[in-house]
Amino acid sequence: MAHCGRGDEFLVGQEAHTYKYEQGGAAVLGSIQPQPLEHEPHGGIALERIAAAIKSDDYHFARTRLLALENTIGGRVLPIDYLQQVTEFAHSRGLATHLDGARIFNVIVKLSLDECAAVAGFDSVSMCLSKGLGAPAGSILMGSRALIADARRWRKALGGGMRQAGVLAAAGLYALEHHVQRLAEDHANAEHLAAGLREVD
């Protein structure tokens, strides 16, 4: 809602969390039309498919404003070179870009990426503090000062403002400072379990 207005449209993958698992929240709460697109085998969306979905400047159509991607789809990590290509393409077509980075630190640790490199090209990024990092709750939205100011207003309008949030913030800060590199242990344990399961008849 900070990126799009009433009657606008966002492009999103068929399997993306923001499309499939949020009860149509963008449409219900923001009057924003989702345009779901088929994923490629690596989890991204082909540039040709994105180009074909962008509506022309015609009052018969919703205005295509945003491309929303998720950096992990069904365990697949979107390739970094693809992310560079797709964000450059989206910006060249006048679209803003958002990365649902719920598990962004898993990607950063697995691929040994710099944090900035992992989110380069995106106008906004969300990340979860509880998925893998061990905080009890909480997500972070990153973007320009103007976008965050708009997002704060929408958060309040949607009932998401919190008092006494410092307790959750402290847990989130601890997770960021102490748990990110430990995700490598999670990855090793998951691979060990998978290897054992593959041997079961």
N, C-alpha and C. Protein backbone atom coordinates (compact mmCIF):
# COMPACT_ATOMS: atom_id res chain seq x y z
N MET A 1 0.83 -1.21 0.00
CA MET A 1 0.00 0.00 0.00
C MET A 1 0.86 1.26 0.00
N ALA A 2 2.10 1.15 0.47
CA ALA A 2 3.01 2.29 0.40
C ALA A 2 3.52 2.50 -1.02
N HIS A 3 3.48 1.45 -1.84
CA HIS A 3 3.94 1.55 -3.23
C HIS A 3 2.81 1.85 -4.21
N CYS A 4 1.62 1.38 -3.91
CA CYS A 4 0.52 1.43 -4.88
C CYS A 4 -0.69 2.16 -4.31
N GLY A 5 -1.46 2.76 -5.19
CA GLY A 5 -2.70 3.41 -4.79
C GLY A 5 -3.90 2.58 -5.18
N ARG A 6 -5.05 3.08 -4.81
CA ARG A 6 -6.31 2.41 -5.12
C ARG A 6 -6.46 2.26 -6.64
N GLY A 7 -6.72 1.04 -7.11
CA GLY A 7 -6.87 0.80 -8.53
C GLY A 7 -5.57 0.49 -9.25
N ASP A 8 -4.45 0.51 -8.54
CA ASP A 8 -3.17 0.13 -9.13
C ASP A 8 -3.02 -1.39 -9.11
N GLU A 9 -1.95 -1.86 -9.71
CA GLU A 9 -1.71 -3.29 -9.85
C GLU A 9 -0.27 -3.62 -9.47
N PHE A 10 -0.07 -4.80 -8.88
CA PHE A 10 1.30 -5.29 -8.68
C PHE A 10 1.45 -6.65 -9.32
N LEU A 11 2.63 -6.89 -9.90
CA LEU A 11 2.96 -8.16 -10.51
C LEU A 11 3.63 -9.03 -9.46
N VAL A 12 3.24 -10.31 -9.43
CA VAL A 12 3.69 -11.19 -8.36
C VAL A 12 3.63 -12.63 -8.84
N GLY A 13 4.46 -13.49 -8.27
CA GLY A 13 4.45 -14.90 -8.65
C GLY A 13 3.24 -15.64 -8.12
N GLN A 14 2.80 -16.65 -8.86
CA GLN A 14 1.65 -17.47 -8.47
C GLN A 14 1.83 -18.09 -7.09
N GLU A 15 3.06 -18.46 -6.75
CA GLU A 15 3.32 -19.15 -5.49
C GLU A 15 3.82 -18.21 -4.39
N ALA A 16 3.92 -16.93 -4.69
CA ALA A 16 4.47 -15.99 -3.71
C ALA A 16 3.55 -15.84 -2.51
N HIS A 17 4.17 -15.71 -1.36
CA HIS A 17 3.42 -15.57 -0.11
C HIS A 17 2.47 -14.38 -0.16
N THR A 18 2.94 -13.25 -0.70
CA THR A 18 2.12 -12.04 -0.70
C THR A 18 0.89 -12.17 -1.60
N TYR A 19 0.89 -13.16 -2.49
CA TYR A 19 -0.28 -13.40 -3.33
C TYR A 19 -1.13 -14.55 -2.80
N LYS A 20 -0.49 -15.66 -2.47
CA LYS A 20 -1.22 -16.90 -2.20
C LYS A 20 -1.69 -17.06 -0.76
N TYR A 21 -0.94 -16.52 0.19
CA TYR A 21 -1.18 -16.85 1.59
C TYR A 21 -1.62 -15.68 2.46
N GLU A 22 -2.13 -14.62 1.87
CA GLU A 22 -2.53 -13.48 2.70
C GLU A 22 -3.97 -13.05 2.43
N GLN A 23 -4.82 -14.02 2.06
CA GLN A 23 -6.26 -13.80 1.91
C GLN A 23 -6.60 -12.66 0.96
N GLY A 24 -5.75 -12.42 -0.01
CA GLY A 24 -6.03 -11.33 -0.95
C GLY A 24 -5.97 -9.97 -0.29
N GLY A 25 -5.10 -9.83 0.71
CA GLY A 25 -5.05 -8.61 1.51
C GLY A 25 -4.82 -7.34 0.69
N ALA A 26 -3.99 -7.42 -0.35
CA ALA A 26 -3.73 -6.22 -1.15
C ALA A 26 -5.02 -5.72 -1.79
N ALA A 27 -5.83 -6.65 -2.30
CA ALA A 27 -7.09 -6.27 -2.93
C ALA A 27 -8.14 -5.89 -1.89
N VAL A 28 -8.24 -6.68 -0.83
CA VAL A 28 -9.27 -6.45 0.19
C VAL A 28 -9.04 -5.15 0.94
N LEU A 29 -7.80 -4.91 1.36
CA LEU A 29 -7.51 -3.75 2.21
C LEU A 29 -6.99 -2.55 1.44
N GLY A 30 -6.33 -2.78 0.30
CA GLY A 30 -5.72 -1.67 -0.41
C GLY A 30 -6.33 -1.36 -1.76
N SER A 31 -7.32 -2.15 -2.19
CA SER A 31 -7.90 -1.99 -3.53
C SER A 31 -6.81 -2.04 -4.61
N ILE A 32 -5.82 -2.90 -4.37
CA ILE A 32 -4.70 -3.08 -5.30
C ILE A 32 -4.85 -4.44 -5.97
N GLN A 33 -4.85 -4.43 -7.29
CA GLN A 33 -5.07 -5.66 -8.05
C GLN A 33 -3.77 -6.46 -8.18
N PRO A 34 -3.77 -7.72 -7.74
CA PRO A 34 -2.59 -8.55 -8.01
C PRO A 34 -2.67 -9.14 -9.41
N GLN A 35 -1.56 -9.21 -10.09
CA GLN A 35 -1.48 -9.89 -11.38
C GLN A 35 -0.50 -11.04 -11.19
N PRO A 36 -1.02 -12.25 -10.86
CA PRO A 36 -0.12 -13.38 -10.62
C PRO A 36 0.47 -13.92 -11.91
N LEU A 37 1.76 -14.24 -11.86
CA LEU A 37 2.48 -14.75 -13.02
C LEU A 37 3.16 -16.07 -12.69
N GLU A 38 3.32 -16.90 -13.69
CA GLU A 38 3.93 -18.22 -13.51
C GLU A 38 5.42 -18.09 -13.23
N HIS A 39 5.90 -18.96 -12.35
CA HIS A 39 7.32 -18.99 -12.00
C HIS A 39 8.12 -19.80 -13.01
N GLU A 40 9.38 -19.45 -13.12
CA GLU A 40 10.35 -20.27 -13.85
C GLU A 40 10.87 -21.36 -12.90
N PRO A 41 11.55 -22.38 -13.43
CA PRO A 41 12.07 -23.44 -12.56
C PRO A 41 12.95 -22.93 -11.41
N HIS A 42 13.70 -21.83 -11.63
CA HIS A 42 14.55 -21.31 -10.55
C HIS A 42 13.77 -20.48 -9.54
N GLY A 43 12.49 -20.28 -9.77
CA GLY A 43 11.65 -19.56 -8.82
C GLY A 43 11.33 -18.13 -9.21
N GLY A 44 12.06 -17.58 -10.15
CA GLY A 44 11.79 -16.22 -10.59
C GLY A 44 10.69 -16.18 -11.64
N ILE A 45 10.50 -15.02 -12.22
CA ILE A 45 9.51 -14.81 -13.28
C ILE A 45 10.26 -14.30 -14.50
N ALA A 46 10.03 -14.91 -15.64
CA ALA A 46 10.74 -14.52 -16.86
C ALA A 46 10.48 -13.07 -17.21
N LEU A 47 11.52 -12.37 -17.66
CA LEU A 47 11.37 -10.96 -18.04
C LEU A 47 10.32 -10.80 -19.14
N GLU A 48 10.26 -11.75 -20.06
CA GLU A 48 9.28 -11.67 -21.14
C GLU A 48 7.86 -11.73 -20.59
N ARG A 49 7.66 -12.55 -19.56
CA ARG A 49 6.34 -12.67 -18.95
C ARG A 49 5.97 -11.39 -18.20
N ILE A 50 6.96 -10.80 -17.55
CA ILE A 50 6.72 -9.53 -16.86
C ILE A 50 6.37 -8.44 -17.87
N ALA A 51 7.14 -8.37 -18.96
CA ALA A 51 6.89 -7.35 -19.98
C ALA A 51 5.49 -7.48 -20.55
N ALA A 52 5.05 -8.72 -20.80
CA ALA A 52 3.72 -8.93 -21.38
C ALA A 52 2.61 -8.56 -20.41
N ALA A 53 2.89 -8.61 -19.11
CA ALA A 53 1.86 -8.33 -18.11
C ALA A 53 1.70 -6.85 -17.78
N ILE A 54 2.70 -6.03 -18.11
CA ILE A 54 2.62 -4.60 -17.80
C ILE A 54 1.55 -3.97 -18.68
N LYS A 55 0.59 -3.33 -18.04
CA LYS A 55 -0.52 -2.74 -18.78
C LYS A 55 -0.09 -1.44 -19.46
N SER A 56 -0.67 -1.19 -20.61
CA SER A 56 -0.40 0.08 -21.29
C SER A 56 -1.13 1.21 -20.57
N ASP A 57 -0.71 2.42 -20.84
CA ASP A 57 -1.30 3.60 -20.19
C ASP A 57 -2.65 3.89 -20.83
N ASP A 58 -3.66 3.20 -20.34
CA ASP A 58 -5.00 3.25 -20.91
C ASP A 58 -5.99 3.20 -19.74
N TYR A 59 -6.97 4.06 -19.74
CA TYR A 59 -7.86 4.11 -18.58
C TYR A 59 -8.76 2.88 -18.44
N HIS A 60 -8.70 1.96 -19.39
CA HIS A 60 -9.42 0.71 -19.25
C HIS A 60 -8.70 -0.25 -18.28
N PHE A 61 -7.42 -0.02 -18.05
CA PHE A 61 -6.60 -0.96 -17.30
C PHE A 61 -6.17 -0.39 -15.95
N ALA A 62 -5.92 -1.32 -15.03
CA ALA A 62 -5.24 -0.93 -13.79
C ALA A 62 -3.83 -0.48 -14.15
N ARG A 63 -3.29 0.44 -13.37
CA ARG A 63 -1.93 0.92 -13.61
C ARG A 63 -0.93 -0.01 -12.94
N THR A 64 -0.06 -0.60 -13.73
CA THR A 64 0.96 -1.50 -13.18
C THR A 64 2.04 -0.66 -12.52
N ARG A 65 2.22 -0.86 -11.20
CA ARG A 65 3.12 0.00 -10.43
C ARG A 65 4.30 -0.72 -9.79
N LEU A 66 4.15 -2.02 -9.53
CA LEU A 66 5.11 -2.69 -8.65
C LEU A 66 5.36 -4.12 -9.09
N LEU A 67 6.62 -4.54 -8.98
CA LEU A 67 6.99 -5.94 -9.12
C LEU A 67 7.41 -6.43 -7.75
N ALA A 68 6.73 -7.45 -7.25
CA ALA A 68 7.04 -8.02 -5.93
C ALA A 68 7.58 -9.43 -6.12
N LEU A 69 8.78 -9.67 -5.60
CA LEU A 69 9.41 -10.99 -5.68
C LEU A 69 9.69 -11.51 -4.29
N GLU A 70 9.83 -12.83 -4.20
CA GLU A 70 10.18 -13.48 -2.95
C GLU A 70 11.51 -14.20 -3.18
N ASN A 71 12.48 -13.98 -2.30
CA ASN A 71 13.83 -14.49 -2.63
C ASN A 71 14.00 -15.98 -2.37
N THR A 72 13.06 -16.61 -1.67
CA THR A 72 13.07 -18.06 -1.56
C THR A 72 11.66 -18.57 -1.85
N ILE A 73 11.54 -19.42 -2.85
CA ILE A 73 10.25 -20.01 -3.24
C ILE A 73 10.39 -21.52 -3.16
N GLY A 74 9.69 -22.15 -2.22
CA GLY A 74 9.75 -23.60 -2.11
C GLY A 74 11.16 -24.13 -1.93
N GLY A 75 11.98 -23.40 -1.20
CA GLY A 75 13.36 -23.83 -0.98
C GLY A 75 14.34 -23.41 -2.05
N ARG A 76 13.83 -22.83 -3.14
CA ARG A 76 14.72 -22.36 -4.21
C ARG A 76 15.14 -20.92 -3.93
N VAL A 77 16.39 -20.62 -4.15
CA VAL A 77 16.91 -19.27 -3.94
C VAL A 77 17.05 -18.59 -5.30
N LEU A 78 16.46 -17.41 -5.44
CA LEU A 78 16.56 -16.71 -6.72
C LEU A 78 18.02 -16.34 -7.00
N PRO A 79 18.50 -16.64 -8.21
CA PRO A 79 19.91 -16.33 -8.54
C PRO A 79 20.17 -14.82 -8.50
N ILE A 80 21.34 -14.46 -8.01
CA ILE A 80 21.71 -13.05 -7.88
C ILE A 80 21.75 -12.35 -9.24
N ASP A 81 22.26 -13.02 -10.27
CA ASP A 81 22.32 -12.38 -11.58
C ASP A 81 20.91 -12.13 -12.12
N TYR A 82 19.98 -13.03 -11.82
CA TYR A 82 18.58 -12.83 -12.22
C TYR A 82 17.99 -11.60 -11.51
N LEU A 83 18.26 -11.48 -10.21
CA LEU A 83 17.73 -10.34 -9.46
C LEU A 83 18.22 -9.02 -10.03
N GLN A 84 19.48 -8.97 -10.42
CA GLN A 84 20.02 -7.75 -11.03
C GLN A 84 19.30 -7.45 -12.34
N GLN A 85 19.14 -8.46 -13.18
CA GLN A 85 18.47 -8.27 -14.47
C GLN A 85 17.01 -7.83 -14.28
N VAL A 86 16.29 -8.50 -13.38
CA VAL A 86 14.86 -8.24 -13.26
C VAL A 86 14.59 -6.88 -12.62
N THR A 87 15.41 -6.48 -11.65
CA THR A 87 15.17 -5.16 -11.05
C THR A 87 15.52 -4.04 -12.03
N GLU A 88 16.61 -4.21 -12.78
CA GLU A 88 16.95 -3.21 -13.80
C GLU A 88 15.85 -3.11 -14.84
N PHE A 89 15.32 -4.26 -15.27
CA PHE A 89 14.24 -4.26 -16.26
C PHE A 89 12.99 -3.58 -15.70
N ALA A 90 12.61 -3.93 -14.47
CA ALA A 90 11.42 -3.34 -13.87
C ALA A 90 11.55 -1.82 -13.78
N HIS A 91 12.70 -1.35 -13.32
CA HIS A 91 12.91 0.10 -13.21
C HIS A 91 12.88 0.77 -14.58
N SER A 92 13.40 0.08 -15.60
CA SER A 92 13.38 0.66 -16.95
C SER A 92 11.95 0.81 -17.48
N ARG A 93 11.03 0.02 -16.92
CA ARG A 93 9.63 0.10 -17.32
C ARG A 93 8.80 0.92 -16.34
N GLY A 94 9.45 1.60 -15.43
CA GLY A 94 8.75 2.50 -14.51
C GLY A 94 8.13 1.82 -13.30
N LEU A 95 8.52 0.59 -13.01
CA LEU A 95 7.95 -0.12 -11.87
C LEU A 95 8.86 0.01 -10.65
N ALA A 96 8.25 0.09 -9.49
CA ALA A 96 8.98 -0.06 -8.24
C ALA A 96 9.20 -1.55 -8.00
N THR A 97 10.15 -1.88 -7.13
CA THR A 97 10.46 -3.28 -6.85
C THR A 97 10.46 -3.53 -5.35
N HIS A 98 9.85 -4.65 -4.97
CA HIS A 98 9.83 -5.04 -3.55
C HIS A 98 10.31 -6.48 -3.43
N LEU A 99 11.13 -6.75 -2.43
CA LEU A 99 11.61 -8.10 -2.15
C LEU A 99 11.03 -8.57 -0.83
N ASP A 100 10.22 -9.63 -0.90
CA ASP A 100 9.78 -10.31 0.31
C ASP A 100 10.95 -11.18 0.73
N GLY A 101 11.74 -10.67 1.65
CA GLY A 101 12.96 -11.36 2.08
C GLY A 101 12.79 -12.01 3.42
N ALA A 102 11.68 -12.71 3.61
CA ALA A 102 11.40 -13.32 4.91
C ALA A 102 12.58 -14.15 5.41
N ARG A 103 13.24 -14.85 4.50
CA ARG A 103 14.38 -15.70 4.87
C ARG A 103 15.68 -15.19 4.23
N ILE A 104 15.80 -13.88 4.12
CA ILE A 104 16.94 -13.28 3.42
C ILE A 104 18.27 -13.67 4.06
N PHE A 105 18.31 -13.84 5.39
CA PHE A 105 19.58 -14.17 6.02
C PHE A 105 20.00 -15.61 5.74
N ASN A 106 19.04 -16.50 5.50
CA ASN A 106 19.39 -17.85 5.06
C ASN A 106 20.13 -17.78 3.73
N VAL A 107 19.65 -16.91 2.84
CA VAL A 107 20.27 -16.73 1.53
C VAL A 107 21.67 -16.13 1.69
N ILE A 108 21.78 -15.10 2.52
CA ILE A 108 23.05 -14.42 2.73
C ILE A 108 24.11 -15.38 3.26
N VAL A 109 23.72 -16.21 4.24
CA VAL A 109 24.67 -17.15 4.83
C VAL A 109 25.00 -18.28 3.86
N LYS A 110 23.97 -18.82 3.20
CA LYS A 110 24.19 -19.95 2.29
C LYS A 110 25.11 -19.57 1.13
N LEU A 111 24.89 -18.37 0.56
CA LEU A 111 25.65 -17.95 -0.61
C LEU A 111 26.86 -17.06 -0.26
N SER A 112 27.08 -16.85 1.04
CA SER A 112 28.19 -15.98 1.51
C SER A 112 28.12 -14.61 0.85
N LEU A 113 26.95 -14.01 0.91
CA LEU A 113 26.72 -12.71 0.29
C LEU A 113 26.89 -11.58 1.29
N ASP A 114 27.26 -10.44 0.78
CA ASP A 114 27.17 -9.20 1.54
C ASP A 114 25.70 -8.81 1.61
N GLU A 115 25.26 -8.27 2.76
CA GLU A 115 23.85 -7.93 2.93
C GLU A 115 23.36 -6.96 1.85
N CYS A 116 24.17 -5.97 1.53
CA CYS A 116 23.75 -4.99 0.51
C CYS A 116 23.63 -5.63 -0.87
N ALA A 117 24.54 -6.54 -1.17
CA ALA A 117 24.48 -7.22 -2.46
C ALA A 117 23.23 -8.08 -2.58
N ALA A 118 22.78 -8.64 -1.46
CA ALA A 118 21.61 -9.53 -1.48
C ALA A 118 20.32 -8.80 -1.79
N VAL A 119 20.28 -7.49 -1.54
CA VAL A 119 19.04 -6.73 -1.75
C VAL A 119 19.20 -5.62 -2.78
N ALA A 120 20.33 -5.61 -3.47
CA ALA A 120 20.60 -4.55 -4.45
C ALA A 120 19.50 -4.53 -5.52
N GLY A 121 19.09 -3.33 -5.88
CA GLY A 121 18.11 -3.16 -6.94
C GLY A 121 16.68 -3.07 -6.47
N PHE A 122 16.43 -3.34 -5.20
CA PHE A 122 15.06 -3.30 -4.69
C PHE A 122 14.78 -1.97 -3.99
N ASP A 123 13.58 -1.46 -4.22
CA ASP A 123 13.17 -0.20 -3.58
C ASP A 123 12.72 -0.42 -2.15
N SER A 124 12.28 -1.62 -1.85
CA SER A 124 11.92 -1.97 -0.48
C SER A 124 12.19 -3.45 -0.26
N VAL A 125 12.47 -3.79 0.99
CA VAL A 125 12.74 -5.17 1.37
C VAL A 125 12.10 -5.41 2.73
N SER A 126 11.41 -6.53 2.86
CA SER A 126 10.91 -6.95 4.17
C SER A 126 11.68 -8.18 4.60
N MET A 127 11.87 -8.34 5.91
CA MET A 127 12.54 -9.53 6.42
C MET A 127 11.92 -9.90 7.75
N CYS A 128 11.98 -11.19 8.06
CA CYS A 128 11.37 -11.72 9.27
C CYS A 128 12.44 -12.00 10.31
N LEU A 129 12.16 -11.63 11.55
CA LEU A 129 13.11 -11.86 12.63
C LEU A 129 12.90 -13.19 13.33
N SER A 130 11.77 -13.86 13.06
CA SER A 130 11.48 -15.12 13.76
C SER A 130 11.82 -16.35 12.92
N LYS A 131 11.82 -16.24 11.59
CA LYS A 131 12.07 -17.41 10.75
C LYS A 131 13.57 -17.72 10.71
N GLY A 132 13.97 -18.65 11.54
CA GLY A 132 15.36 -19.05 11.57
C GLY A 132 16.21 -18.26 12.55
N LEU A 133 15.87 -17.01 12.82
CA LEU A 133 16.72 -16.18 13.67
C LEU A 133 16.36 -16.31 15.15
N GLY A 134 15.20 -16.87 15.47
CA GLY A 134 14.89 -17.18 16.86
C GLY A 134 14.21 -16.08 17.65
N ALA A 135 13.94 -14.92 17.05
CA ALA A 135 13.18 -13.91 17.78
C ALA A 135 11.73 -14.40 17.91
N PRO A 136 11.02 -14.01 18.97
CA PRO A 136 9.65 -14.51 19.15
C PRO A 136 8.68 -13.99 18.10
N ALA A 137 8.92 -12.83 17.55
CA ALA A 137 8.02 -12.23 16.56
C ALA A 137 8.72 -11.04 15.94
N GLY A 138 8.13 -10.50 14.90
CA GLY A 138 8.62 -9.24 14.35
C GLY A 138 9.15 -9.35 12.94
N SER A 139 8.88 -8.33 12.16
CA SER A 139 9.41 -8.18 10.81
C SER A 139 9.92 -6.76 10.66
N ILE A 140 10.80 -6.57 9.69
CA ILE A 140 11.38 -5.26 9.42
C ILE A 140 11.11 -4.91 7.97
N LEU A 141 10.74 -3.68 7.73
CA LEU A 141 10.58 -3.16 6.37
C LEU A 141 11.66 -2.11 6.15
N MET A 142 12.40 -2.23 5.05
CA MET A 142 13.45 -1.28 4.72
C MET A 142 13.14 -0.62 3.40
N GLY A 143 13.43 0.66 3.30
CA GLY A 143 13.20 1.41 2.08
C GLY A 143 13.62 2.85 2.29
N SER A 144 13.23 3.70 1.36
CA SER A 144 13.56 5.12 1.48
C SER A 144 12.81 5.73 2.67
N ARG A 145 13.28 6.88 3.13
CA ARG A 145 12.60 7.56 4.24
C ARG A 145 11.14 7.85 3.89
N ALA A 146 10.90 8.27 2.65
CA ALA A 146 9.54 8.60 2.24
C ALA A 146 8.65 7.36 2.24
N LEU A 147 9.17 6.25 1.74
CA LEU A 147 8.37 5.02 1.72
C LEU A 147 8.07 4.54 3.13
N ILE A 148 9.06 4.59 4.01
CA ILE A 148 8.85 4.14 5.39
C ILE A 148 7.85 5.05 6.10
N ALA A 149 7.89 6.34 5.80
CA ALA A 149 6.91 7.26 6.40
C ALA A 149 5.49 6.87 5.97
N ASP A 150 5.32 6.55 4.68
CA ASP A 150 4.01 6.11 4.20
C ASP A 150 3.62 4.78 4.85
N ALA A 151 4.57 3.87 4.94
CA ALA A 151 4.29 2.55 5.52
C ALA A 151 3.88 2.66 6.99
N ARG A 152 4.51 3.57 7.72
CA ARG A 152 4.14 3.76 9.13
C ARG A 152 2.69 4.24 9.25
N ARG A 153 2.29 5.12 8.34
CA ARG A 153 0.91 5.60 8.37
C ARG A 153 -0.05 4.46 8.06
N TRP A 154 0.27 3.65 7.06
CA TRP A 154 -0.60 2.51 6.73
C TRP A 154 -0.63 1.49 7.86
N ARG A 155 0.52 1.26 8.49
CA ARG A 155 0.56 0.31 9.61
C ARG A 155 -0.41 0.75 10.70
N LYS A 156 -0.40 2.04 11.01
CA LYS A 156 -1.30 2.57 12.04
C LYS A 156 -2.75 2.44 11.61
N ALA A 157 -3.03 2.78 10.36
CA ALA A 157 -4.41 2.69 9.85
C ALA A 157 -4.93 1.26 9.88
N LEU A 158 -4.05 0.29 9.70
CA LEU A 158 -4.44 -1.12 9.68
C LEU A 158 -4.39 -1.75 11.08
N GLY A 159 -4.14 -0.93 12.08
CA GLY A 159 -4.15 -1.44 13.45
C GLY A 159 -2.85 -2.08 13.88
N GLY A 160 -1.78 -1.82 13.16
CA GLY A 160 -0.52 -2.50 13.45
C GLY A 160 0.44 -1.73 14.33
N GLY A 161 0.04 -0.54 14.83
CA GLY A 161 0.91 0.18 15.73
C GLY A 161 1.02 -0.54 17.06
N MET A 162 2.20 -0.54 17.66
CA MET A 162 2.39 -1.23 18.94
C MET A 162 3.02 -0.30 19.97
N ARG A 163 2.51 -0.38 21.18
CA ARG A 163 3.19 0.23 22.31
C ARG A 163 4.02 -0.86 22.98
N GLN A 164 4.95 -0.48 23.80
CA GLN A 164 5.83 -1.43 24.46
C GLN A 164 6.51 -2.38 23.45
N ALA A 165 6.82 -1.87 22.26
CA ALA A 165 7.46 -2.69 21.24
C ALA A 165 8.93 -2.92 21.51
N GLY A 166 9.49 -2.21 22.49
CA GLY A 166 10.90 -2.35 22.78
C GLY A 166 11.31 -3.75 23.20
N VAL A 167 10.40 -4.48 23.86
CA VAL A 167 10.71 -5.84 24.28
C VAL A 167 10.96 -6.72 23.06
N LEU A 168 10.07 -6.59 22.05
CA LEU A 168 10.26 -7.36 20.81
C LEU A 168 11.47 -6.86 20.04
N ALA A 169 11.67 -5.54 20.05
CA ALA A 169 12.82 -4.98 19.34
C ALA A 169 14.13 -5.50 19.94
N ALA A 170 14.19 -5.62 21.26
CA ALA A 170 15.40 -6.12 21.91
C ALA A 170 15.69 -7.56 21.47
N ALA A 171 14.63 -8.37 21.40
CA ALA A 171 14.82 -9.76 20.95
C ALA A 171 15.27 -9.79 19.50
N GLY A 172 14.72 -8.90 18.68
CA GLY A 172 15.11 -8.82 17.28
C GLY A 172 16.56 -8.40 17.11
N LEU A 173 16.99 -7.42 17.90
CA LEU A 173 18.38 -6.97 17.85
C LEU A 173 19.33 -8.09 18.28
N TYR A 174 18.95 -8.82 19.32
CA TYR A 174 19.79 -9.93 19.77
C TYR A 174 19.92 -10.97 18.66
N ALA A 175 18.79 -11.28 18.00
CA ALA A 175 18.81 -12.26 16.91
C ALA A 175 19.73 -11.81 15.78
N LEU A 176 19.64 -10.55 15.41
CA LEU A 176 20.49 -10.03 14.33
C LEU A 176 21.96 -10.05 14.70
N GLU A 177 22.26 -9.80 15.96
CA GLU A 177 23.65 -9.71 16.40
C GLU A 177 24.28 -11.08 16.70
N HIS A 178 23.45 -12.08 17.02
CA HIS A 178 24.00 -13.35 17.49
C HIS A 178 23.58 -14.59 16.71
N HIS A 179 22.52 -14.51 15.92
CA HIS A 179 21.98 -15.72 15.32
C HIS A 179 22.17 -15.84 13.81
N VAL A 180 22.56 -14.77 13.14
CA VAL A 180 22.65 -14.84 11.67
C VAL A 180 23.64 -15.90 11.22
N GLN A 181 24.87 -15.85 11.73
CA GLN A 181 25.88 -16.81 11.29
C GLN A 181 25.56 -18.24 11.73
N ARG A 182 24.75 -18.37 12.78
CA ARG A 182 24.37 -19.71 13.24
C ARG A 182 23.39 -20.38 12.27
N LEU A 183 22.86 -19.64 11.31
CA LEU A 183 22.01 -20.26 10.29
C LEU A 183 22.77 -21.33 9.53
N ALA A 184 24.09 -21.21 9.44
CA ALA A 184 24.89 -22.25 8.78
C ALA A 184 24.74 -23.59 9.50
N GLU A 185 24.58 -23.56 10.84
CA GLU A 185 24.33 -24.78 11.59
C GLU A 185 22.98 -25.38 11.20
N ASP A 186 21.97 -24.51 11.06
CA ASP A 186 20.64 -24.99 10.63
C ASP A 186 20.73 -25.65 9.27
N HIS A 187 21.47 -25.03 8.35
CA HIS A 187 21.60 -25.57 7.00
C HIS A 187 22.29 -26.94 7.05
N ALA A 188 23.33 -27.06 7.86
CA ALA A 188 24.06 -28.33 7.98
C ALA A 188 23.16 -29.40 8.59
N ASN A 189 22.39 -29.04 9.61
CA ASN A 189 21.47 -30.00 10.23
C ASN A 189 20.39 -30.44 9.25
N ALA A 190 19.88 -29.51 8.46
CA ALA A 190 18.85 -29.85 7.48
C ALA A 190 19.40 -30.79 6.42
N GLU A 191 20.63 -30.53 5.98
CA GLU A 191 21.25 -31.41 4.98
C GLU A 191 21.53 -32.79 5.57
N HIS A 192 21.96 -32.83 6.83
CA HIS A 192 22.20 -34.12 7.49
C HIS A 192 20.90 -34.92 7.58
N LEU A 193 19.81 -34.27 7.96
CA LEU A 193 18.51 -34.94 8.03
C LEU A 193 18.07 -35.41 6.64
N ALA A 194 18.23 -34.56 5.64
CA ALA A 194 17.83 -34.92 4.27
C ALA A 194 18.63 -36.12 3.78
N ALA A 195 19.93 -36.14 4.08
CA ALA A 195 20.77 -37.26 3.65
C ALA A 195 20.31 -38.56 4.30
N GLY A 196 19.95 -38.48 5.57
CA GLY A 196 19.45 -39.68 6.24
C GLY A 196 18.12 -40.14 5.69
N LEU A 197 17.22 -39.21 5.40
CA LEU A 197 15.92 -39.57 4.86
C LEU A 197 16.03 -40.17 3.48
N ARG A 198 17.04 -39.71 2.70
CA ARG A 198 17.22 -40.27 1.35
C ARG A 198 17.62 -41.74 1.39
N GLU A 199 18.17 -42.19 2.52
CA GLU A 199 18.59 -43.58 2.64
C GLU A 199 17.46 -44.49 3.12
N VAL A 200 16.35 -43.90 3.53
CA VAL A 200 15.20 -44.70 4.00
C VAL A 200 14.48 -45.29 2.78
N ASP A 201 14.21 -46.58 2.84
CA ASP A 201 13.53 -47.26 1.72
C ASP A 201 12.07 -46.82 1.68
